[in-house]
Amino acid sequence: MLLMLKDLPRYECLLEAARRFPDLDPTACEAYLNLLRAGDEAERRRESFFNEHHITAGRFTVLMLLYDKIAGEPLPQTPADLAEKAGVTRATITGLVDTLERDQLVTREPGSGDRRMMLVHLTTKGRETLEAILPGHFRHMAELMEPLTDAERRTLVRLLNKVAGKADSMAEETRCHAAAARVSLPSP
């Protein structure tokens, strides 16, 4: 959760700050702060909902990745696949799977071809737990997006995808610069 200002600075304050800091684009700053505040509020509500169901967002995500939403049947996956799909490290997935396994929501079993490869399976208890949570989760999402029309929602998704795409390209650029810096470091 982010530590955010409850009341964001007025646009006039941003204009004044831009005179002192030429790199400050007032409209970009205003949009960015509002994006962070909306995301933080949405995350706060999601976290509250999951707390009511005694689950974390990370554990919920792993259960959802293992749940085949079309057939409603479990879809076993490797921890590496889960980490890739969730955008986290394998160590993070291992910790999440450990707690889910402890609570009997998932099991680990060796893969059929390679005994070193483990597959994570959703248990019947895991599927039932997830299916008990999903209706409220879907209602929660719909309620949060209720102020927007369908057209506004589509516009919001399009705009957020543009911002996410730029964030991805900035992250890639940072990775490339870091890799180039490592290559150009002199040997001791």
N, C-alpha and C. Protein backbone atom coordinates (compact mmCIF):
# COMPACT_ATOMS: atom_id res chain seq x y z
N MET A 1 0.84 -1.17 0.00
CA MET A 1 0.00 0.00 0.00
C MET A 1 0.89 1.24 0.00
N LEU A 2 0.50 2.19 -0.76
CA LEU A 2 1.25 3.44 -0.87
C LEU A 2 0.84 4.40 0.24
N LEU A 3 1.75 5.26 0.61
CA LEU A 3 1.43 6.35 1.51
C LEU A 3 1.12 7.54 0.63
N MET A 4 -0.14 7.91 0.56
CA MET A 4 -0.56 8.97 -0.37
C MET A 4 -1.21 10.11 0.38
N LEU A 5 -1.16 11.27 -0.23
CA LEU A 5 -1.89 12.42 0.28
C LEU A 5 -3.38 12.17 0.08
N LYS A 6 -4.15 12.44 1.11
CA LYS A 6 -5.60 12.29 0.95
C LYS A 6 -6.13 13.37 0.01
N ASP A 7 -5.62 14.60 0.20
CA ASP A 7 -6.01 15.71 -0.67
C ASP A 7 -4.82 16.04 -1.57
N LEU A 8 -4.99 15.82 -2.85
CA LEU A 8 -3.91 16.09 -3.80
C LEU A 8 -3.75 17.59 -4.00
N PRO A 9 -2.55 18.02 -4.40
CA PRO A 9 -2.33 19.45 -4.62
C PRO A 9 -3.23 19.98 -5.73
N ARG A 10 -3.69 21.21 -5.56
CA ARG A 10 -4.50 21.85 -6.59
C ARG A 10 -3.63 22.09 -7.82
N TYR A 11 -4.25 22.19 -8.97
CA TYR A 11 -3.53 22.40 -10.21
C TYR A 11 -2.72 23.69 -10.17
N GLU A 12 -3.26 24.72 -9.53
CA GLU A 12 -2.56 26.00 -9.43
C GLU A 12 -1.23 25.83 -8.68
N CYS A 13 -1.23 24.98 -7.65
CA CYS A 13 0.00 24.70 -6.90
C CYS A 13 1.03 24.00 -7.79
N LEU A 14 0.55 23.14 -8.65
CA LEU A 14 1.46 22.45 -9.57
C LEU A 14 2.05 23.44 -10.57
N LEU A 15 1.23 24.37 -11.04
CA LEU A 15 1.73 25.41 -11.97
C LEU A 15 2.82 26.23 -11.29
N GLU A 16 2.60 26.59 -10.04
CA GLU A 16 3.59 27.37 -9.31
C GLU A 16 4.88 26.56 -9.11
N ALA A 17 4.74 25.29 -8.77
CA ALA A 17 5.92 24.44 -8.57
C ALA A 17 6.68 24.27 -9.88
N ALA A 18 5.98 24.29 -11.00
CA ALA A 18 6.63 24.12 -12.31
C ALA A 18 7.56 25.30 -12.62
N ARG A 19 7.29 26.43 -12.04
CA ARG A 19 8.18 27.57 -12.24
C ARG A 19 9.53 27.33 -11.56
N ARG A 20 9.52 26.64 -10.44
CA ARG A 20 10.76 26.32 -9.71
C ARG A 20 11.45 25.09 -10.27
N PHE A 21 10.65 24.14 -10.79
CA PHE A 21 11.19 22.88 -11.30
C PHE A 21 10.74 22.71 -12.75
N PRO A 22 11.57 23.12 -13.70
CA PRO A 22 11.17 23.11 -15.12
C PRO A 22 10.78 21.73 -15.65
N ASP A 23 11.26 20.66 -15.03
CA ASP A 23 10.89 19.31 -15.50
C ASP A 23 9.50 18.89 -15.05
N LEU A 24 8.88 19.65 -14.18
CA LEU A 24 7.55 19.32 -13.69
C LEU A 24 6.51 19.74 -14.73
N ASP A 25 5.85 18.76 -15.29
CA ASP A 25 4.74 19.00 -16.23
C ASP A 25 3.46 18.93 -15.40
N PRO A 26 2.78 20.06 -15.18
CA PRO A 26 1.63 20.07 -14.28
C PRO A 26 0.53 19.07 -14.64
N THR A 27 0.18 18.96 -15.92
CA THR A 27 -0.89 18.02 -16.29
C THR A 27 -0.43 16.58 -16.09
N ALA A 28 0.84 16.28 -16.38
CA ALA A 28 1.36 14.93 -16.17
C ALA A 28 1.38 14.60 -14.68
N CYS A 29 1.82 15.55 -13.87
CA CYS A 29 1.88 15.36 -12.43
C CYS A 29 0.48 15.12 -11.84
N GLU A 30 -0.46 15.95 -12.27
CA GLU A 30 -1.83 15.80 -11.78
C GLU A 30 -2.41 14.43 -12.15
N ALA A 31 -2.22 14.03 -13.40
CA ALA A 31 -2.72 12.72 -13.84
C ALA A 31 -2.04 11.59 -13.08
N TYR A 32 -0.73 11.69 -12.91
CA TYR A 32 0.04 10.66 -12.22
C TYR A 32 -0.42 10.52 -10.77
N LEU A 33 -0.55 11.64 -10.05
CA LEU A 33 -0.98 11.58 -8.66
C LEU A 33 -2.39 11.00 -8.52
N ASN A 34 -3.27 11.36 -9.45
CA ASN A 34 -4.62 10.80 -9.42
C ASN A 34 -4.62 9.31 -9.73
N LEU A 35 -3.75 8.88 -10.65
CA LEU A 35 -3.61 7.46 -10.96
C LEU A 35 -3.16 6.70 -9.71
N LEU A 36 -2.16 7.22 -9.02
CA LEU A 36 -1.67 6.57 -7.81
C LEU A 36 -2.75 6.52 -6.73
N ARG A 37 -3.45 7.62 -6.54
CA ARG A 37 -4.49 7.65 -5.50
C ARG A 37 -5.61 6.66 -5.82
N ALA A 38 -6.07 6.62 -7.06
CA ALA A 38 -7.13 5.69 -7.44
C ALA A 38 -6.66 4.25 -7.27
N GLY A 39 -5.44 3.96 -7.70
CA GLY A 39 -4.90 2.61 -7.55
C GLY A 39 -4.76 2.22 -6.09
N ASP A 40 -4.31 3.16 -5.26
CA ASP A 40 -4.15 2.88 -3.84
C ASP A 40 -5.51 2.61 -3.19
N GLU A 41 -6.50 3.40 -3.53
CA GLU A 41 -7.84 3.18 -2.97
C GLU A 41 -8.43 1.85 -3.43
N ALA A 42 -8.24 1.52 -4.69
CA ALA A 42 -8.74 0.23 -5.20
C ALA A 42 -8.03 -0.92 -4.49
N GLU A 43 -6.72 -0.79 -4.31
CA GLU A 43 -5.95 -1.84 -3.62
C GLU A 43 -6.38 -1.95 -2.16
N ARG A 44 -6.64 -0.83 -1.51
CA ARG A 44 -7.08 -0.84 -0.11
C ARG A 44 -8.41 -1.59 0.02
N ARG A 45 -9.32 -1.36 -0.91
CA ARG A 45 -10.62 -2.05 -0.87
C ARG A 45 -10.44 -3.55 -1.15
N ARG A 46 -9.56 -3.87 -2.11
CA ARG A 46 -9.32 -5.28 -2.44
C ARG A 46 -8.70 -6.00 -1.24
N GLU A 47 -7.74 -5.36 -0.61
CA GLU A 47 -7.09 -5.96 0.55
C GLU A 47 -8.09 -6.18 1.68
N SER A 48 -8.98 -5.24 1.91
CA SER A 48 -10.01 -5.38 2.93
C SER A 48 -10.92 -6.56 2.62
N PHE A 49 -11.31 -6.69 1.34
CA PHE A 49 -12.16 -7.82 0.94
C PHE A 49 -11.44 -9.15 1.20
N PHE A 50 -10.17 -9.24 0.78
CA PHE A 50 -9.43 -10.49 0.98
C PHE A 50 -9.22 -10.78 2.46
N ASN A 51 -9.00 -9.76 3.27
CA ASN A 51 -8.85 -9.97 4.71
C ASN A 51 -10.11 -10.59 5.32
N GLU A 52 -11.26 -10.15 4.83
CA GLU A 52 -12.53 -10.72 5.30
C GLU A 52 -12.61 -12.22 4.98
N HIS A 53 -11.91 -12.65 3.95
CA HIS A 53 -11.94 -14.05 3.53
C HIS A 53 -10.67 -14.80 3.94
N HIS A 54 -9.86 -14.17 4.79
CA HIS A 54 -8.66 -14.80 5.35
C HIS A 54 -7.70 -15.30 4.28
N ILE A 55 -7.47 -14.44 3.29
CA ILE A 55 -6.54 -14.78 2.21
C ILE A 55 -5.79 -13.51 1.79
N THR A 56 -4.61 -13.67 1.26
CA THR A 56 -3.88 -12.51 0.76
C THR A 56 -4.08 -12.41 -0.75
N ALA A 57 -3.77 -11.23 -1.27
CA ALA A 57 -3.87 -11.03 -2.72
C ALA A 57 -2.94 -11.98 -3.46
N GLY A 58 -1.74 -12.21 -2.93
CA GLY A 58 -0.79 -13.12 -3.58
C GLY A 58 -1.30 -14.54 -3.62
N ARG A 59 -1.84 -15.01 -2.53
CA ARG A 59 -2.38 -16.38 -2.50
C ARG A 59 -3.58 -16.50 -3.43
N PHE A 60 -4.43 -15.48 -3.47
CA PHE A 60 -5.57 -15.47 -4.37
C PHE A 60 -5.10 -15.55 -5.82
N THR A 61 -4.06 -14.79 -6.15
CA THR A 61 -3.53 -14.79 -7.51
C THR A 61 -3.05 -16.18 -7.91
N VAL A 62 -2.34 -16.86 -7.03
CA VAL A 62 -1.86 -18.21 -7.34
C VAL A 62 -3.05 -19.15 -7.56
N LEU A 63 -4.05 -19.07 -6.70
CA LEU A 63 -5.23 -19.92 -6.88
C LEU A 63 -5.90 -19.63 -8.22
N MET A 64 -6.00 -18.36 -8.59
CA MET A 64 -6.62 -18.00 -9.87
C MET A 64 -5.81 -18.52 -11.05
N LEU A 65 -4.49 -18.48 -10.93
CA LEU A 65 -3.64 -18.98 -12.02
C LEU A 65 -3.80 -20.49 -12.20
N LEU A 66 -4.11 -21.18 -11.13
CA LEU A 66 -4.29 -22.63 -11.20
C LEU A 66 -5.71 -23.03 -11.59
N TYR A 67 -6.61 -22.10 -11.60
CA TYR A 67 -8.02 -22.37 -11.85
C TYR A 67 -8.33 -22.12 -13.31
N ASP A 68 -8.82 -23.14 -14.00
CA ASP A 68 -9.21 -22.97 -15.40
C ASP A 68 -10.61 -22.37 -15.41
N LYS A 69 -10.67 -21.09 -15.73
CA LYS A 69 -11.92 -20.36 -15.64
C LYS A 69 -12.98 -20.83 -16.63
N ILE A 70 -12.56 -21.47 -17.71
CA ILE A 70 -13.54 -21.91 -18.71
C ILE A 70 -14.20 -23.21 -18.28
N ALA A 71 -13.38 -24.21 -17.96
CA ALA A 71 -13.92 -25.51 -17.60
C ALA A 71 -14.19 -25.62 -16.10
N GLY A 72 -13.61 -24.70 -15.32
CA GLY A 72 -13.78 -24.79 -13.88
C GLY A 72 -12.96 -25.92 -13.27
N GLU A 73 -12.01 -26.42 -14.02
CA GLU A 73 -11.16 -27.52 -13.54
C GLU A 73 -9.77 -26.99 -13.22
N PRO A 74 -9.08 -27.62 -12.27
CA PRO A 74 -7.72 -27.20 -11.94
C PRO A 74 -6.78 -27.35 -13.15
N LEU A 75 -5.81 -26.47 -13.23
CA LEU A 75 -4.84 -26.46 -14.31
C LEU A 75 -3.44 -26.49 -13.69
N PRO A 76 -2.84 -27.70 -13.50
CA PRO A 76 -1.53 -27.76 -12.84
C PRO A 76 -0.47 -27.00 -13.62
N GLN A 77 0.43 -26.33 -12.87
CA GLN A 77 1.49 -25.55 -13.48
C GLN A 77 2.75 -25.66 -12.65
N THR A 78 3.88 -25.37 -13.28
CA THR A 78 5.14 -25.38 -12.55
C THR A 78 5.26 -24.07 -11.76
N PRO A 79 6.04 -24.09 -10.67
CA PRO A 79 6.28 -22.84 -9.94
C PRO A 79 6.89 -21.76 -10.85
N ALA A 80 7.77 -22.15 -11.76
CA ALA A 80 8.37 -21.17 -12.68
C ALA A 80 7.31 -20.51 -13.56
N ASP A 81 6.36 -21.31 -14.05
CA ASP A 81 5.27 -20.75 -14.86
C ASP A 81 4.41 -19.79 -14.04
N LEU A 82 4.12 -20.19 -12.80
CA LEU A 82 3.32 -19.32 -11.93
C LEU A 82 4.04 -18.00 -11.66
N ALA A 83 5.34 -18.08 -11.41
CA ALA A 83 6.13 -16.86 -11.16
C ALA A 83 6.11 -15.95 -12.38
N GLU A 84 6.28 -16.52 -13.55
CA GLU A 84 6.28 -15.73 -14.79
C GLU A 84 4.92 -15.05 -14.99
N LYS A 85 3.84 -15.79 -14.82
CA LYS A 85 2.50 -15.24 -15.04
C LYS A 85 2.13 -14.19 -14.00
N ALA A 86 2.64 -14.36 -12.77
CA ALA A 86 2.32 -13.40 -11.71
C ALA A 86 3.28 -12.21 -11.69
N GLY A 87 4.38 -12.32 -12.43
CA GLY A 87 5.35 -11.23 -12.47
C GLY A 87 6.13 -11.08 -11.18
N VAL A 88 6.40 -12.22 -10.52
CA VAL A 88 7.17 -12.21 -9.27
C VAL A 88 8.30 -13.22 -9.38
N THR A 89 9.15 -13.25 -8.37
CA THR A 89 10.26 -14.20 -8.38
C THR A 89 9.79 -15.60 -8.03
N ARG A 90 10.61 -16.57 -8.36
CA ARG A 90 10.30 -17.96 -7.99
C ARG A 90 10.27 -18.12 -6.48
N ALA A 91 11.14 -17.38 -5.78
CA ALA A 91 11.16 -17.45 -4.31
C ALA A 91 9.82 -16.98 -3.74
N THR A 92 9.25 -15.94 -4.31
CA THR A 92 7.95 -15.44 -3.86
C THR A 92 6.89 -16.50 -4.07
N ILE A 93 6.89 -17.13 -5.24
CA ILE A 93 5.90 -18.18 -5.53
C ILE A 93 6.09 -19.35 -4.57
N THR A 94 7.34 -19.71 -4.30
CA THR A 94 7.60 -20.82 -3.39
C THR A 94 6.96 -20.54 -2.03
N GLY A 95 7.14 -19.32 -1.52
CA GLY A 95 6.54 -18.95 -0.24
C GLY A 95 5.02 -19.01 -0.28
N LEU A 96 4.43 -18.52 -1.35
CA LEU A 96 2.97 -18.55 -1.49
C LEU A 96 2.46 -19.99 -1.58
N VAL A 97 3.14 -20.81 -2.39
CA VAL A 97 2.73 -22.20 -2.55
C VAL A 97 2.90 -22.95 -1.23
N ASP A 98 3.96 -22.65 -0.49
CA ASP A 98 4.16 -23.29 0.82
C ASP A 98 2.95 -23.06 1.73
N THR A 99 2.49 -21.81 1.82
CA THR A 99 1.36 -21.54 2.71
C THR A 99 0.05 -22.12 2.16
N LEU A 100 -0.12 -22.08 0.85
CA LEU A 100 -1.31 -22.69 0.25
C LEU A 100 -1.32 -24.21 0.47
N GLU A 101 -0.13 -24.82 0.38
CA GLU A 101 -0.04 -26.26 0.60
C GLU A 101 -0.31 -26.58 2.07
N ARG A 102 0.23 -25.77 2.97
CA ARG A 102 -0.01 -25.97 4.40
C ARG A 102 -1.50 -25.95 4.71
N ASP A 103 -2.24 -25.06 4.02
CA ASP A 103 -3.68 -24.94 4.23
C ASP A 103 -4.49 -25.90 3.36
N GLN A 104 -3.79 -26.79 2.68
CA GLN A 104 -4.39 -27.84 1.84
C GLN A 104 -5.21 -27.28 0.67
N LEU A 105 -4.79 -26.12 0.17
CA LEU A 105 -5.46 -25.53 -1.00
C LEU A 105 -4.78 -25.93 -2.30
N VAL A 106 -3.50 -26.32 -2.21
CA VAL A 106 -2.75 -26.83 -3.37
C VAL A 106 -1.89 -28.00 -2.91
N THR A 107 -1.44 -28.78 -3.89
CA THR A 107 -0.45 -29.83 -3.64
C THR A 107 0.66 -29.68 -4.67
N ARG A 108 1.82 -30.24 -4.33
CA ARG A 108 2.94 -30.31 -5.28
C ARG A 108 3.16 -31.78 -5.59
N GLU A 109 3.36 -32.04 -6.86
CA GLU A 109 3.64 -33.41 -7.30
C GLU A 109 4.70 -33.37 -8.38
N PRO A 110 5.55 -34.40 -8.45
CA PRO A 110 6.56 -34.44 -9.52
C PRO A 110 5.89 -34.52 -10.88
N GLY A 111 6.51 -33.84 -11.88
CA GLY A 111 6.01 -33.92 -13.25
C GLY A 111 6.20 -35.33 -13.79
N SER A 112 5.42 -35.72 -14.76
CA SER A 112 5.47 -37.08 -15.28
C SER A 112 6.76 -37.39 -16.02
N GLY A 113 7.30 -36.46 -16.77
CA GLY A 113 8.50 -36.73 -17.56
C GLY A 113 9.79 -36.52 -16.81
N ASP A 114 9.84 -35.56 -15.92
CA ASP A 114 11.06 -35.19 -15.21
C ASP A 114 10.72 -35.07 -13.74
N ARG A 115 11.26 -35.98 -12.93
CA ARG A 115 10.92 -36.02 -11.51
C ARG A 115 11.45 -34.78 -10.76
N ARG A 116 12.40 -34.06 -11.38
CA ARG A 116 12.90 -32.84 -10.74
C ARG A 116 11.90 -31.70 -10.89
N MET A 117 11.06 -31.76 -11.92
CA MET A 117 10.07 -30.71 -12.15
C MET A 117 8.83 -30.99 -11.31
N MET A 118 8.45 -29.98 -10.53
CA MET A 118 7.26 -30.11 -9.71
C MET A 118 6.09 -29.40 -10.39
N LEU A 119 4.91 -29.97 -10.23
CA LEU A 119 3.69 -29.34 -10.70
C LEU A 119 2.85 -28.98 -9.49
N VAL A 120 2.27 -27.80 -9.52
CA VAL A 120 1.39 -27.36 -8.45
C VAL A 120 -0.04 -27.60 -8.92
N HIS A 121 -0.80 -28.28 -8.07
CA HIS A 121 -2.19 -28.63 -8.39
C HIS A 121 -3.12 -27.94 -7.40
N LEU A 122 -4.24 -27.46 -7.89
CA LEU A 122 -5.30 -26.93 -7.04
C LEU A 122 -6.06 -28.11 -6.46
N THR A 123 -6.25 -28.14 -5.16
CA THR A 123 -7.01 -29.22 -4.53
C THR A 123 -8.50 -28.91 -4.62
N THR A 124 -9.31 -29.89 -4.28
CA THR A 124 -10.75 -29.67 -4.23
C THR A 124 -11.07 -28.56 -3.23
N LYS A 125 -10.40 -28.57 -2.09
CA LYS A 125 -10.60 -27.52 -1.08
C LYS A 125 -10.19 -26.16 -1.65
N GLY A 126 -9.11 -26.12 -2.41
CA GLY A 126 -8.67 -24.87 -3.02
C GLY A 126 -9.68 -24.34 -4.02
N ARG A 127 -10.21 -25.24 -4.86
CA ARG A 127 -11.22 -24.85 -5.84
C ARG A 127 -12.48 -24.35 -5.14
N GLU A 128 -12.92 -25.06 -4.11
CA GLU A 128 -14.12 -24.65 -3.38
C GLU A 128 -13.92 -23.32 -2.67
N THR A 129 -12.74 -23.11 -2.12
CA THR A 129 -12.43 -21.84 -1.46
C THR A 129 -12.49 -20.70 -2.47
N LEU A 130 -11.86 -20.90 -3.60
CA LEU A 130 -11.84 -19.88 -4.65
C LEU A 130 -13.26 -19.59 -5.15
N GLU A 131 -14.02 -20.62 -5.41
CA GLU A 131 -15.38 -20.43 -5.92
C GLU A 131 -16.29 -19.77 -4.90
N ALA A 132 -15.97 -19.90 -3.60
CA ALA A 132 -16.74 -19.20 -2.57
C ALA A 132 -16.39 -17.71 -2.54
N ILE A 133 -15.15 -17.38 -2.87
CA ILE A 133 -14.69 -15.99 -2.84
C ILE A 133 -15.08 -15.22 -4.11
N LEU A 134 -15.08 -15.90 -5.26
CA LEU A 134 -15.23 -15.20 -6.54
C LEU A 134 -16.51 -14.37 -6.69
N PRO A 135 -17.68 -14.84 -6.28
CA PRO A 135 -18.87 -13.98 -6.47
C PRO A 135 -18.72 -12.61 -5.79
N GLY A 136 -18.25 -12.60 -4.56
CA GLY A 136 -18.06 -11.33 -3.85
C GLY A 136 -16.97 -10.50 -4.49
N HIS A 137 -15.91 -11.16 -4.96
CA HIS A 137 -14.81 -10.46 -5.62
C HIS A 137 -15.32 -9.76 -6.88
N PHE A 138 -16.13 -10.47 -7.67
CA PHE A 138 -16.68 -9.88 -8.89
C PHE A 138 -17.64 -8.73 -8.56
N ARG A 139 -18.46 -8.88 -7.50
CA ARG A 139 -19.36 -7.80 -7.09
C ARG A 139 -18.55 -6.58 -6.66
N HIS A 140 -17.46 -6.83 -5.94
CA HIS A 140 -16.59 -5.75 -5.47
C HIS A 140 -16.03 -4.96 -6.66
N MET A 141 -15.54 -5.66 -7.67
CA MET A 141 -14.99 -4.99 -8.86
C MET A 141 -16.08 -4.17 -9.56
N ALA A 142 -17.25 -4.77 -9.75
CA ALA A 142 -18.35 -4.08 -10.44
C ALA A 142 -18.78 -2.84 -9.66
N GLU A 143 -18.83 -2.95 -8.33
CA GLU A 143 -19.24 -1.81 -7.51
C GLU A 143 -18.23 -0.67 -7.63
N LEU A 144 -16.95 -1.00 -7.61
CA LEU A 144 -15.92 0.03 -7.71
C LEU A 144 -15.99 0.75 -9.06
N MET A 145 -16.30 0.03 -10.13
CA MET A 145 -16.33 0.62 -11.47
C MET A 145 -17.71 1.18 -11.82
N GLU A 146 -18.66 1.05 -10.92
CA GLU A 146 -20.04 1.48 -11.16
C GLU A 146 -20.19 2.93 -11.62
N PRO A 147 -19.39 3.89 -11.11
CA PRO A 147 -19.58 5.28 -11.55
C PRO A 147 -19.29 5.51 -13.03
N LEU A 148 -18.59 4.59 -13.67
CA LEU A 148 -18.22 4.76 -15.08
C LEU A 148 -19.20 4.05 -16.01
N THR A 149 -19.49 4.67 -17.14
CA THR A 149 -20.29 4.00 -18.16
C THR A 149 -19.42 2.95 -18.84
N ASP A 150 -20.04 2.08 -19.63
CA ASP A 150 -19.26 1.09 -20.37
C ASP A 150 -18.24 1.76 -21.28
N ALA A 151 -18.64 2.83 -21.95
CA ALA A 151 -17.72 3.54 -22.85
C ALA A 151 -16.56 4.14 -22.05
N GLU A 152 -16.86 4.72 -20.89
CA GLU A 152 -15.79 5.28 -20.06
C GLU A 152 -14.83 4.19 -19.57
N ARG A 153 -15.38 3.02 -19.25
CA ARG A 153 -14.53 1.90 -18.82
C ARG A 153 -13.59 1.48 -19.94
N ARG A 154 -14.12 1.38 -21.16
CA ARG A 154 -13.27 1.01 -22.29
C ARG A 154 -12.19 2.06 -22.53
N THR A 155 -12.56 3.33 -22.40
CA THR A 155 -11.58 4.41 -22.54
C THR A 155 -10.52 4.32 -21.45
N LEU A 156 -10.96 4.08 -20.22
CA LEU A 156 -10.01 3.95 -19.11
C LEU A 156 -9.04 2.80 -19.36
N VAL A 157 -9.54 1.67 -19.80
CA VAL A 157 -8.67 0.52 -20.09
C VAL A 157 -7.67 0.88 -21.18
N ARG A 158 -8.13 1.53 -22.22
CA ARG A 158 -7.22 1.93 -23.31
C ARG A 158 -6.14 2.87 -22.80
N LEU A 159 -6.53 3.85 -22.00
CA LEU A 159 -5.57 4.82 -21.48
C LEU A 159 -4.59 4.16 -20.49
N LEU A 160 -5.10 3.30 -19.62
CA LEU A 160 -4.21 2.62 -18.66
C LEU A 160 -3.24 1.69 -19.38
N ASN A 161 -3.68 1.07 -20.46
CA ASN A 161 -2.77 0.22 -21.24
C ASN A 161 -1.66 1.05 -21.88
N LYS A 162 -1.97 2.28 -22.29
CA LYS A 162 -0.93 3.16 -22.83
C LYS A 162 0.10 3.50 -21.76
N VAL A 163 -0.38 3.82 -20.55
CA VAL A 163 0.53 4.13 -19.44
C VAL A 163 1.35 2.90 -19.07
N ALA A 164 0.71 1.74 -18.99
CA ALA A 164 1.44 0.51 -18.65
C ALA A 164 2.48 0.18 -19.71
N GLY A 165 2.14 0.39 -20.97
CA GLY A 165 3.10 0.15 -22.05
C GLY A 165 4.31 1.05 -21.94
N LYS A 166 4.09 2.30 -21.59
CA LYS A 166 5.21 3.23 -21.40
C LYS A 166 6.05 2.81 -20.20
N ALA A 167 5.41 2.39 -19.12
CA ALA A 167 6.15 1.93 -17.94
C ALA A 167 6.99 0.71 -18.29
N ASP A 168 6.44 -0.20 -19.09
CA ASP A 168 7.20 -1.38 -19.53
C ASP A 168 8.41 -0.98 -20.36
N SER A 169 8.22 -0.04 -21.29
CA SER A 169 9.35 0.36 -22.14
C SER A 169 10.41 1.10 -21.31
N MET A 170 10.00 1.87 -20.31
CA MET A 170 10.95 2.53 -19.43
C MET A 170 11.74 1.51 -18.61
N ALA A 171 11.05 0.46 -18.14
CA ALA A 171 11.73 -0.60 -17.37
C ALA A 171 12.73 -1.33 -18.26
N GLU A 172 12.35 -1.60 -19.49
CA GLU A 172 13.27 -2.27 -20.42
C GLU A 172 14.48 -1.40 -20.70
N GLU A 173 14.26 -0.11 -20.88
CA GLU A 173 15.35 0.82 -21.12
C GLU A 173 16.30 0.84 -19.91
N THR A 174 15.76 0.81 -18.72
CA THR A 174 16.57 0.78 -17.50
C THR A 174 17.39 -0.51 -17.44
N ARG A 175 16.77 -1.63 -17.78
CA ARG A 175 17.50 -2.92 -17.79
C ARG A 175 18.64 -2.89 -18.81
N CYS A 176 18.39 -2.31 -19.96
CA CYS A 176 19.43 -2.22 -21.00
C CYS A 176 20.59 -1.34 -20.53
N HIS A 177 20.27 -0.21 -19.91
CA HIS A 177 21.32 0.68 -19.40
C HIS A 177 22.13 -0.01 -18.30
N ALA A 178 21.45 -0.75 -17.43
CA ALA A 178 22.15 -1.46 -16.35
C ALA A 178 23.06 -2.54 -16.92
N ALA A 179 22.57 -3.26 -17.94
CA ALA A 179 23.39 -4.30 -18.56
C ALA A 179 24.60 -3.69 -19.25
N ALA A 180 24.41 -2.57 -19.93
CA ALA A 180 25.52 -1.90 -20.61
C ALA A 180 26.54 -1.39 -19.59
N ALA A 181 26.08 -0.90 -18.47
CA ALA A 181 26.98 -0.42 -17.41
C ALA A 181 27.80 -1.56 -16.84
N ARG A 182 27.19 -2.75 -16.68
CA ARG A 182 27.93 -3.90 -16.16
C ARG A 182 28.99 -4.34 -17.13
N VAL A 183 28.70 -4.29 -18.41
CA VAL A 183 29.64 -4.71 -19.45
C VAL A 183 30.82 -3.76 -19.51
N SER A 184 30.56 -2.46 -19.30
CA SER A 184 31.62 -1.48 -19.46
C SER A 184 32.44 -1.24 -18.19
N LEU A 185 32.10 -1.92 -17.09
CA LEU A 185 32.88 -1.75 -15.87
C LEU A 185 34.29 -2.33 -16.04
N PRO A 186 35.31 -1.61 -15.58
CA PRO A 186 36.68 -2.13 -15.71
C PRO A 186 36.88 -3.30 -14.76
N SER A 187 37.69 -4.25 -15.16
CA SER A 187 38.00 -5.41 -14.32
C SER A 187 38.95 -4.99 -13.21
N PRO A 188 38.79 -5.56 -11.99
CA PRO A 188 39.70 -5.21 -10.89
C PRO A 188 41.07 -5.81 -11.07
